[in-house]
Amino acid sequence: MNVVRERCKECGLCIFVCPTKVLERGSERNSRGYRYVIPARPEKCIGCRMCEYTCPDFAIFIEVGGG
């Protein structure tokens, strides 16, 4: 899972749609002042891509089978 920090606008949609609660709002801010999301529990990711599909800013990308 890759999060493009500078694209994230802290909307929280990805956090809301994740069925396994992988993501959470981080404490650090990007250059635009938003607290970007972080994969707090990446081992729980099932690769459903709901976060990727829901993100209006194309800030999340899932790599399925990437090891």
PDB file of N, CA and C in Angstrom:
ATOM      1  N   MET A   1       0.846  -1.172   0.000  1.00  0.00           N
ATOM      2  CA  MET A   1       0.000   0.000   0.000  1.00  0.00           C
ATOM      3  C   MET A   1       0.892   1.236   0.000  1.00  0.00           C
ATOM      4  N   ASN A   2       0.603   2.128  -0.917  1.00  0.00           N
ATOM      5  CA  ASN A   2       1.343   3.381  -1.011  1.00  0.00           C
ATOM      6  C   ASN A   2       0.393   4.549  -0.831  1.00  0.00           C
ATOM      7  N   VAL A   3       0.784   5.484   0.020  1.00  0.00           N
ATOM      8  CA  VAL A   3       0.022   6.707   0.224  1.00  0.00           C
ATOM      9  C   VAL A   3       0.871   7.870  -0.281  1.00  0.00           C
ATOM     10  N   VAL A   4       0.321   8.621  -1.223  1.00  0.00           N
ATOM     11  CA  VAL A   4       1.003   9.812  -1.727  1.00  0.00           C
ATOM     12  C   VAL A   4       0.622  10.946  -0.776  1.00  0.00           C
ATOM     13  N   ARG A   5       1.501  11.224   0.151  1.00  0.00           N
ATOM     14  CA  ARG A   5       1.212  12.160   1.244  1.00  0.00           C
ATOM     15  C   ARG A   5       0.762  13.532   0.769  1.00  0.00           C
ATOM     16  N   GLU A   6       1.395  14.042  -0.267  1.00  0.00           N
ATOM     17  CA  GLU A   6       1.074  15.390  -0.740  1.00  0.00           C
ATOM     18  C   GLU A   6      -0.302  15.483  -1.395  1.00  0.00           C
ATOM     19  N   ARG A   7      -0.857  14.370  -1.817  1.00  0.00           N
ATOM     20  CA  ARG A   7      -2.188  14.390  -2.441  1.00  0.00           C
ATOM     21  C   ARG A   7      -3.309  14.285  -1.412  1.00  0.00           C
ATOM     22  N   CYS A   8      -3.020  13.731  -0.261  1.00  0.00           N
ATOM     23  CA  CYS A   8      -4.051  13.485   0.755  1.00  0.00           C
ATOM     24  C   CYS A   8      -4.583  14.801   1.325  1.00  0.00           C
ATOM     25  N   LYS A   9      -5.927  14.910   1.392  1.00  0.00           N
ATOM     26  CA  LYS A   9      -6.565  16.104   1.933  1.00  0.00           C
ATOM     27  C   LYS A   9      -7.325  15.811   3.228  1.00  0.00           C
ATOM     28  N   GLU A  10      -7.014  14.697   3.873  1.00  0.00           N
ATOM     29  CA  GLU A  10      -7.573  14.375   5.190  1.00  0.00           C
ATOM     30  C   GLU A  10      -9.097  14.256   5.182  1.00  0.00           C
ATOM     31  N   CYS A  11      -9.671  13.789   4.075  1.00  0.00           N
ATOM     32  CA  CYS A  11     -11.130  13.677   4.019  1.00  0.00           C
ATOM     33  C   CYS A  11     -11.647  12.500   4.850  1.00  0.00           C
ATOM     34  N   GLY A  12     -10.826  11.454   4.995  1.00  0.00           N
ATOM     35  CA  GLY A  12     -11.213  10.317   5.821  1.00  0.00           C
ATOM     36  C   GLY A  12     -12.063   9.269   5.128  1.00  0.00           C
ATOM     37  N   LEU A  13     -12.355   9.438   3.848  1.00  0.00           N
ATOM     38  CA  LEU A  13     -13.187   8.461   3.146  1.00  0.00           C
ATOM     39  C   LEU A  13     -12.546   7.079   3.138  1.00  0.00           C
ATOM     40  N   CYS A  14     -11.252   7.023   2.935  1.00  0.00           N
ATOM     41  CA  CYS A  14     -10.556   5.736   2.896  1.00  0.00           C
ATOM     42  C   CYS A  14     -10.633   5.025   4.248  1.00  0.00           C
ATOM     43  N   ILE A  15     -10.530   5.786   5.317  1.00  0.00           N
ATOM     44  CA  ILE A  15     -10.624   5.212   6.663  1.00  0.00           C
ATOM     45  C   ILE A  15     -12.011   4.623   6.866  1.00  0.00           C
ATOM     46  N   PHE A  16     -13.025   5.350   6.420  1.00  0.00           N
ATOM     47  CA  PHE A  16     -14.413   4.935   6.585  1.00  0.00           C
ATOM     48  C   PHE A  16     -14.746   3.663   5.812  1.00  0.00           C
ATOM     49  N   VAL A  17     -14.246   3.525   4.579  1.00  0.00           N
ATOM     50  CA  VAL A  17     -14.636   2.388   3.745  1.00  0.00           C
ATOM     51  C   VAL A  17     -13.811   1.123   3.970  1.00  0.00           C
ATOM     52  N   CYS A  18     -12.689   1.219   4.629  1.00  0.00           N
ATOM     53  CA  CYS A  18     -11.832   0.042   4.811  1.00  0.00           C
ATOM     54  C   CYS A  18     -12.499  -0.988   5.719  1.00  0.00           C
ATOM     55  N   PRO A  19     -12.760  -2.198   5.207  1.00  0.00           N
ATOM     56  CA  PRO A  19     -13.457  -3.207   6.009  1.00  0.00           C
ATOM     57  C   PRO A  19     -12.611  -3.787   7.142  1.00  0.00           C
ATOM     58  N   THR A  20     -11.304  -3.672   7.054  1.00  0.00           N
ATOM     59  CA  THR A  20     -10.435  -4.235   8.099  1.00  0.00           C
ATOM     60  C   THR A  20      -9.718  -3.163   8.914  1.00  0.00           C
ATOM     61  N   LYS A  21     -10.084  -1.913   8.725  1.00  0.00           N
ATOM     62  CA  LYS A  21      -9.559  -0.785   9.511  1.00  0.00           C
ATOM     63  C   LYS A  21      -8.040  -0.695   9.481  1.00  0.00           C
ATOM     64  N   VAL A  22      -7.483  -0.773   8.283  1.00  0.00           N
ATOM     65  CA  VAL A  22      -6.034  -0.699   8.090  1.00  0.00           C
ATOM     66  C   VAL A  22      -5.520   0.727   8.281  1.00  0.00           C
ATOM     67  N   LEU A  23      -6.275   1.682   7.787  1.00  0.00           N
ATOM     68  CA  LEU A  23      -5.807   3.071   7.758  1.00  0.00           C
ATOM     69  C   LEU A  23      -6.260   3.878   8.963  1.00  0.00           C
ATOM     70  N   GLU A  24      -5.433   4.867   9.299  1.00  0.00           N
ATOM     71  CA  GLU A  24      -5.833   5.846  10.300  1.00  0.00           C
ATOM     72  C   GLU A  24      -5.167   7.178   9.969  1.00  0.00           C
ATOM     73  N   ARG A  25      -5.699   8.229  10.531  1.00  0.00           N
ATOM     74  CA  ARG A  25      -5.156   9.561  10.305  1.00  0.00           C
ATOM     75  C   ARG A  25      -3.841   9.675  11.063  1.00  0.00           C
ATOM     76  N   GLY A  26      -2.800  10.101  10.385  1.00  0.00           N
ATOM     77  CA  GLY A  26      -1.497  10.242  11.014  1.00  0.00           C
ATOM     78  C   GLY A  26      -1.395  11.520  11.832  1.00  0.00           C
ATOM     79  N   SER A  27      -0.295  11.670  12.534  1.00  0.00           N
ATOM     80  CA  SER A  27      -0.091  12.875  13.341  1.00  0.00           C
ATOM     81  C   SER A  27       0.719  13.930  12.593  1.00  0.00           C
ATOM     82  N   GLU A  28       1.453  13.510  11.573  1.00  0.00           N
ATOM     83  CA  GLU A  28       2.256  14.452  10.792  1.00  0.00           C
ATOM     84  C   GLU A  28       1.396  15.089   9.706  1.00  0.00           C
ATOM     85  N   ARG A  29       1.828  16.255   9.254  1.00  0.00           N
ATOM     86  CA  ARG A  29       1.087  16.989   8.223  1.00  0.00           C
ATOM     87  C   ARG A  29       1.909  17.109   6.949  1.00  0.00           C
ATOM     88  N   ASN A  30       1.204  17.146   5.815  1.00  0.00           N
ATOM     89  CA  ASN A  30       1.898  17.359   4.545  1.00  0.00           C
ATOM     90  C   ASN A  30       2.137  18.859   4.350  1.00  0.00           C
ATOM     91  N   SER A  31       2.721  19.247   3.240  1.00  0.00           N
ATOM     92  CA  SER A  31       3.070  20.657   3.023  1.00  0.00           C
ATOM     93  C   SER A  31       1.846  21.564   2.905  1.00  0.00           C
ATOM     94  N   ARG A  32       0.670  20.964   2.678  1.00  0.00           N
ATOM     95  CA  ARG A  32      -0.566  21.747   2.579  1.00  0.00           C
ATOM     96  C   ARG A  32      -1.298  21.832   3.911  1.00  0.00           C
ATOM     97  N   GLY A  33      -0.727  21.215   4.948  1.00  0.00           N
ATOM     98  CA  GLY A  33      -1.307  21.310   6.287  1.00  0.00           C
ATOM     99  C   GLY A  33      -2.274  20.210   6.662  1.00  0.00           C
ATOM    100  N   TYR A  34      -2.434  19.204   5.809  1.00  0.00           N
ATOM    101  CA  TYR A  34      -3.353  18.104   6.096  1.00  0.00           C
ATOM    102  C   TYR A  34      -2.623  16.948   6.769  1.00  0.00           C
ATOM    103  N   ARG A  35      -3.303  16.324   7.721  1.00  0.00           N
ATOM    104  CA  ARG A  35      -2.765  15.103   8.323  1.00  0.00           C
ATOM    105  C   ARG A  35      -3.113  13.953   7.384  1.00  0.00           C
ATOM    106  N   TYR A  36      -2.113  13.428   6.725  1.00  0.00           N
ATOM    107  CA  TYR A  36      -2.346  12.361   5.754  1.00  0.00           C
ATOM    108  C   TYR A  36      -2.552  11.026   6.465  1.00  0.00           C
ATOM    109  N   VAL A  37      -3.205  10.101   5.757  1.00  0.00           N
ATOM    110  CA  VAL A  37      -3.474   8.785   6.330  1.00  0.00           C
ATOM    111  C   VAL A  37      -2.215   7.927   6.296  1.00  0.00           C
ATOM    112  N   ILE A  38      -2.173   6.994   7.227  1.00  0.00           N
ATOM    113  CA  ILE A  38      -1.067   6.044   7.279  1.00  0.00           C
ATOM    114  C   ILE A  38      -1.641   4.634   7.380  1.00  0.00           C
ATOM    115  N   PRO A  39      -0.961   3.652   6.800  1.00  0.00           N
ATOM    116  CA  PRO A  39      -1.393   2.262   6.966  1.00  0.00           C
ATOM    117  C   PRO A  39      -0.917   1.755   8.330  1.00  0.00           C
ATOM    118  N   ALA A  40      -1.748   1.922   9.346  1.00  0.00           N
ATOM    119  CA  ALA A  40      -1.388   1.568  10.717  1.00  0.00           C
ATOM    120  C   ALA A  40      -1.322   0.056  10.927  1.00  0.00           C
ATOM    121  N   ARG A  41      -2.122  -0.691  10.166  1.00  0.00           N
ATOM    122  CA  ARG A  41      -2.166  -2.148  10.289  1.00  0.00           C
ATOM    123  C   ARG A  41      -2.096  -2.786   8.903  1.00  0.00           C
ATOM    124  N   PRO A  42      -0.980  -2.630   8.186  1.00  0.00           N
ATOM    125  CA  PRO A  42      -0.885  -3.122   6.805  1.00  0.00           C
ATOM    126  C   PRO A  42      -1.056  -4.631   6.671  1.00  0.00           C
ATOM    127  N   GLU A  43      -0.734  -5.366   7.714  1.00  0.00           N
ATOM    128  CA  GLU A  43      -0.877  -6.825   7.667  1.00  0.00           C
ATOM    129  C   GLU A  43      -2.337  -7.254   7.575  1.00  0.00           C
ATOM    130  N   LYS A  44      -3.265  -6.370   7.907  1.00  0.00           N
ATOM    131  CA  LYS A  44      -4.690  -6.682   7.841  1.00  0.00           C
ATOM    132  C   LYS A  44      -5.305  -6.368   6.477  1.00  0.00           C
ATOM    133  N   CYS A  45      -4.531  -5.757   5.588  1.00  0.00           N
ATOM    134  CA  CYS A  45      -5.048  -5.394   4.263  1.00  0.00           C
ATOM    135  C   CYS A  45      -5.378  -6.659   3.467  1.00  0.00           C
ATOM    136  N   ILE A  46      -6.589  -6.711   2.919  1.00  0.00           N
ATOM    137  CA  ILE A  46      -7.027  -7.870   2.138  1.00  0.00           C
ATOM    138  C   ILE A  46      -6.979  -7.588   0.633  1.00  0.00           C
ATOM    139  N   GLY A  47      -6.512  -6.405   0.263  1.00  0.00           N
ATOM    140  CA  GLY A  47      -6.369  -6.068  -1.153  1.00  0.00           C
ATOM    141  C   GLY A  47      -7.668  -5.775  -1.872  1.00  0.00           C
ATOM    142  N   CYS A  48      -8.688  -5.356  -1.161  1.00  0.00           N
ATOM    143  CA  CYS A  48      -9.991  -5.104  -1.789  1.00  0.00           C
ATOM    144  C   CYS A  48     -10.017  -3.816  -2.613  1.00  0.00           C
ATOM    145  N   ARG A  49      -9.086  -2.932  -2.362  1.00  0.00           N
ATOM    146  CA  ARG A  49      -8.932  -1.658  -3.069  1.00  0.00           C
ATOM    147  C   ARG A  49     -10.054  -0.651  -2.824  1.00  0.00           C
ATOM    148  N   MET A  50     -10.860  -0.852  -1.815  1.00  0.00           N
ATOM    149  CA  MET A  50     -11.929   0.106  -1.526  1.00  0.00           C
ATOM    150  C   MET A  50     -11.357   1.488  -1.233  1.00  0.00           C
ATOM    151  N   CYS A  51     -10.255   1.548  -0.516  1.00  0.00           N
ATOM    152  CA  CYS A  51      -9.634   2.842  -0.215  1.00  0.00           C
ATOM    153  C   CYS A  51      -9.151   3.518  -1.491  1.00  0.00           C
ATOM    154  N   GLU A  52      -8.540   2.740  -2.357  1.00  0.00           N
ATOM    155  CA  GLU A  52      -8.021   3.268  -3.626  1.00  0.00           C
ATOM    156  C   GLU A  52      -9.156   3.789  -4.509  1.00  0.00           C
ATOM    157  N   TYR A  53     -10.234   3.028  -4.618  1.00  0.00           N
ATOM    158  CA  TYR A  53     -11.367   3.414  -5.455  1.00  0.00           C
ATOM    159  C   TYR A  53     -12.105   4.632  -4.897  1.00  0.00           C
ATOM    160  N   THR A  54     -12.116   4.779  -3.581  1.00  0.00           N
ATOM    161  CA  THR A  54     -12.878   5.837  -2.929  1.00  0.00           C
ATOM    162  C   THR A  54     -12.133   7.163  -2.856  1.00  0.00           C
ATOM    163  N   CYS A  55     -10.824   7.132  -2.851  1.00  0.00           N
ATOM    164  CA  CYS A  55     -10.028   8.351  -2.681  1.00  0.00           C
ATOM    165  C   CYS A  55     -10.260   9.330  -3.837  1.00  0.00           C
ATOM    166  N   PRO A  56     -10.811  10.510  -3.546  1.00  0.00           N
ATOM    167  CA  PRO A  56     -11.084  11.478  -4.607  1.00  0.00           C
ATOM    168  C   PRO A  56      -9.822  12.163  -5.146  1.00  0.00           C
ATOM    169  N   ASP A  57      -8.711  11.997  -4.447  1.00  0.00           N
ATOM    170  CA  ASP A  57      -7.472  12.679  -4.832  1.00  0.00           C
ATOM    171  C   ASP A  57      -6.402  11.734  -5.361  1.00  0.00           C
ATOM    172  N   PHE A  58      -6.766  10.466  -5.569  1.00  0.00           N
ATOM    173  CA  PHE A  58      -5.830   9.460  -6.091  1.00  0.00           C
ATOM    174  C   PHE A  58      -4.548   9.411  -5.261  1.00  0.00           C
ATOM    175  N   ALA A  59      -4.725   9.382  -3.942  1.00  0.00           N
ATOM    176  CA  ALA A  59      -3.583   9.403  -3.026  1.00  0.00           C
ATOM    177  C   ALA A  59      -3.192   8.022  -2.518  1.00  0.00           C
ATOM    178  N   ILE A  60      -3.994   6.992  -2.813  1.00  0.00           N
ATOM    179  CA  ILE A  60      -3.716   5.645  -2.303  1.00  0.00           C
ATOM    180  C   ILE A  60      -3.650   4.661  -3.457  1.00  0.00           C
ATOM    181  N   PHE A  61      -2.630   3.815  -3.414  1.00  0.00           N
ATOM    182  CA  PHE A  61      -2.459   2.778  -4.426  1.00  0.00           C
ATOM    183  C   PHE A  61      -2.155   1.459  -3.735  1.00  0.00           C
ATOM    184  N   ILE A  62      -2.869   0.416  -4.130  1.00  0.00           N
ATOM    185  CA  ILE A  62      -2.682  -0.912  -3.559  1.00  0.00           C
ATOM    186  C   ILE A  62      -1.888  -1.761  -4.536  1.00  0.00           C
ATOM    187  N   GLU A  63      -0.892  -2.437  -4.029  1.00  0.00           N
ATOM    188  CA  GLU A  63      -0.101  -3.371  -4.828  1.00  0.00           C
ATOM    189  C   GLU A  63      -0.470  -4.779  -4.385  1.00  0.00           C
ATOM    190  N   VAL A  64      -1.218  -5.472  -5.219  1.00  0.00           N
ATOM    191  CA  VAL A  64      -1.653  -6.826  -4.890  1.00  0.00           C
ATOM    192  C   VAL A  64      -0.594  -7.814  -5.349  1.00  0.00           C
ATOM    193  N   GLY A  65      -0.212  -8.710  -4.447  1.00  0.00           N
ATOM    194  CA  GLY A  65       0.767  -9.740  -4.781  1.00  0.00           C
ATOM    195  C   GLY A  65       2.177  -9.215  -4.927  1.00  0.00           C
ATOM    196  N   GLY A  66       2.437  -8.072  -4.349  1.00  0.00           N
ATOM    197  CA  GLY A  66       3.758  -7.474  -4.452  1.00  0.00           C
ATOM    198  C   GLY A  66       4.756  -8.008  -3.453  1.00  0.00           C
ATOM    199  N   GLY A  67       4.343  -8.965  -2.644  1.00  0.00           N
ATOM    200  CA  GLY A  67       5.268  -9.544  -1.690  1.00  0.00           C
ATOM    201  C   GLY A  67       5.073  -8.965  -0.396  1.00  0.00           C
TER     202      GLY A  67
END
